[in-house]
């Protein structure tokens, strides 16, 4: 926004872009630094005692990932879980509630397809 208004500001008074852009740049640097340090969901933070049973589901176990991309774990109560690669979320296809999440999306796609013809 500041860059697009530079001509207007210069026409009325000489205003530096530094006070406008500096807080944005500082914020971006802080967010990137924290994200790079911690990783997605804290994946880069030091792990605790590996032998301790915390009751937490180990979602990175290969047996729960079909083809490395589809998460299926009936024992995990979460409907959405972090993607194994990259950023974002994926559906736990082992959870029965996931069907209720996907049903309206599939229904909408079918309705749009039927109405388009």
Protein backbone atom coordinates (compact mmCIF):
# COMPACT_ATOMS: atom_id res chain seq x y z
CA UNK A 1 0.00 0.00 0.00
CA UNK A 2 2.81 2.37 0.88
CA UNK A 3 4.56 1.68 -2.40
CA UNK A 4 1.45 2.34 -4.44
CA UNK A 5 0.85 5.67 -2.70
CA UNK A 6 4.44 6.91 -3.04
CA UNK A 7 3.59 9.25 -5.94
CA UNK A 8 0.70 10.79 -4.01
CA UNK A 9 2.87 11.34 -0.94
CA UNK A 10 5.67 12.87 -2.98
CA UNK A 11 3.26 15.25 -4.64
CA UNK A 12 2.02 16.63 -1.31
CA UNK A 13 5.09 16.21 0.93
CA UNK A 14 8.29 14.26 1.09
CA UNK A 15 7.46 11.20 3.17
CA UNK A 16 9.93 8.38 3.69
CA UNK A 17 8.76 4.81 3.16
CA UNK A 18 11.01 3.58 5.97
CA UNK A 19 8.53 4.29 8.81
CA UNK A 20 5.80 2.53 6.84
CA UNK A 21 7.72 -0.53 5.70
CA UNK A 22 10.06 -1.11 8.65
CA UNK A 23 7.42 -2.59 11.02
CA UNK A 24 6.18 -4.88 8.25
CA UNK A 25 9.69 -6.09 7.44
CA UNK A 26 10.51 -6.66 11.12
CA UNK A 27 7.29 -8.67 11.52
CA UNK A 28 8.05 -10.82 8.49
CA UNK A 29 11.59 -11.50 9.71
CA UNK A 30 10.33 -12.50 13.18
CA UNK A 31 7.65 -14.83 11.79
CA UNK A 32 10.12 -16.48 9.41
CA UNK A 33 12.73 -16.88 12.15
CA UNK A 34 10.26 -18.52 14.54
CA UNK A 35 8.87 -20.75 11.78
CA UNK A 36 12.31 -21.89 10.67
CA UNK A 37 13.42 -22.49 14.25
CA UNK A 38 10.42 -24.52 15.39
CA UNK A 39 9.27 -26.22 12.17
CA UNK A 40 5.69 -27.28 11.49
CA UNK A 41 3.97 -28.02 14.82
CA UNK A 42 7.33 -27.85 16.60
CA UNK A 43 8.93 -30.62 14.57
CA UNK A 44 12.39 -29.06 15.00
CA UNK A 45 12.14 -28.54 18.75
CA UNK A 46 14.18 -30.91 20.91
CA UNK A 47 12.30 -34.11 21.76
CA UNK A 48 11.70 -35.17 25.33
CA UNK A 49 12.37 -38.62 26.75
CA UNK A 50 11.56 -41.08 23.94
CA UNK A 51 10.77 -43.94 26.36
CA UNK A 52 8.11 -41.96 28.21
CA UNK A 53 4.51 -42.93 27.32
CA UNK A 54 2.67 -39.63 27.00
CA UNK A 55 -0.43 -41.03 25.31
CA UNK A 56 0.25 -38.84 22.27
CA UNK A 57 -0.33 -40.46 18.90
CA UNK A 58 2.85 -40.70 16.84
CA UNK A 59 1.47 -39.54 13.51
CA UNK A 60 4.75 -39.84 11.62
CA UNK A 61 4.72 -43.64 11.84
CA UNK A 62 4.91 -45.14 8.33
CA UNK A 63 2.14 -47.66 9.04
CA UNK A 64 -0.43 -44.84 9.21
CA UNK A 65 0.49 -43.27 5.85
CA UNK A 66 -0.74 -44.97 2.66
CA UNK A 67 1.61 -44.14 -0.18
CA UNK A 68 3.22 -41.54 2.09
CA UNK A 69 0.37 -39.08 1.49
CA UNK A 70 -2.92 -40.50 2.84
CA UNK A 71 -3.26 -40.69 6.64
CA UNK A 72 -5.38 -43.59 7.99
CA UNK A 73 -5.35 -44.20 11.75
CA UNK A 74 -8.54 -45.42 13.44
CA UNK A 75 -7.04 -44.91 16.90
CA UNK A 76 -6.28 -41.20 16.34
CA UNK A 77 -9.28 -39.07 17.42
CA UNK A 78 -8.22 -36.11 15.25
CA UNK A 79 -10.15 -35.51 12.02
CA UNK A 80 -7.52 -33.16 10.58
CA UNK A 81 -3.81 -33.83 11.04
CA UNK A 82 -0.71 -31.95 9.84
CA UNK A 83 0.53 -33.02 6.44
CA UNK A 84 3.57 -35.23 6.48
CA UNK A 85 5.37 -33.12 3.89
CA UNK A 86 5.07 -29.37 3.49
CA UNK A 87 2.61 -27.14 5.28
CA UNK A 88 -1.09 -27.57 5.81
CA UNK A 89 -3.51 -30.22 6.97
CA UNK A 90 -4.91 -33.49 5.65
CA UNK A 91 -7.87 -35.64 6.60
CA UNK A 92 -7.54 -38.68 8.86
CA UNK A 93 -9.44 -41.17 6.68
CA UNK A 94 -9.50 -43.66 9.56
CA UNK A 95 -11.80 -41.40 11.58
CA UNK A 96 -15.52 -41.92 10.84
CA UNK A 97 -16.18 -38.20 11.35
CA UNK A 98 -13.96 -37.47 8.34
CA UNK A 99 -16.73 -38.80 6.10
CA UNK A 100 -19.08 -36.16 7.47
CA UNK A 101 -16.45 -33.53 6.74
CA UNK A 102 -15.96 -34.69 3.16
CA UNK A 103 -19.62 -35.44 2.36
CA UNK A 104 -20.70 -31.80 1.78
CA UNK A 105 -17.62 -31.13 -0.35
CA UNK A 106 -18.27 -34.12 -2.60
CA UNK A 107 -22.00 -33.34 -2.73
CA UNK A 108 -21.29 -29.76 -3.80
CA UNK A 109 -18.96 -30.99 -6.55
CA UNK A 110 -21.62 -33.41 -7.82
CA UNK A 111 -24.34 -30.73 -7.76
CA UNK A 112 -22.15 -28.25 -9.64
CA UNK A 113 -21.28 -30.93 -12.21
CA UNK A 114 -24.93 -31.90 -12.72
CA UNK A 115 -26.10 -28.28 -13.00
CA UNK A 116 -23.32 -27.45 -15.45
CA UNK A 117 -24.78 -29.85 -18.03
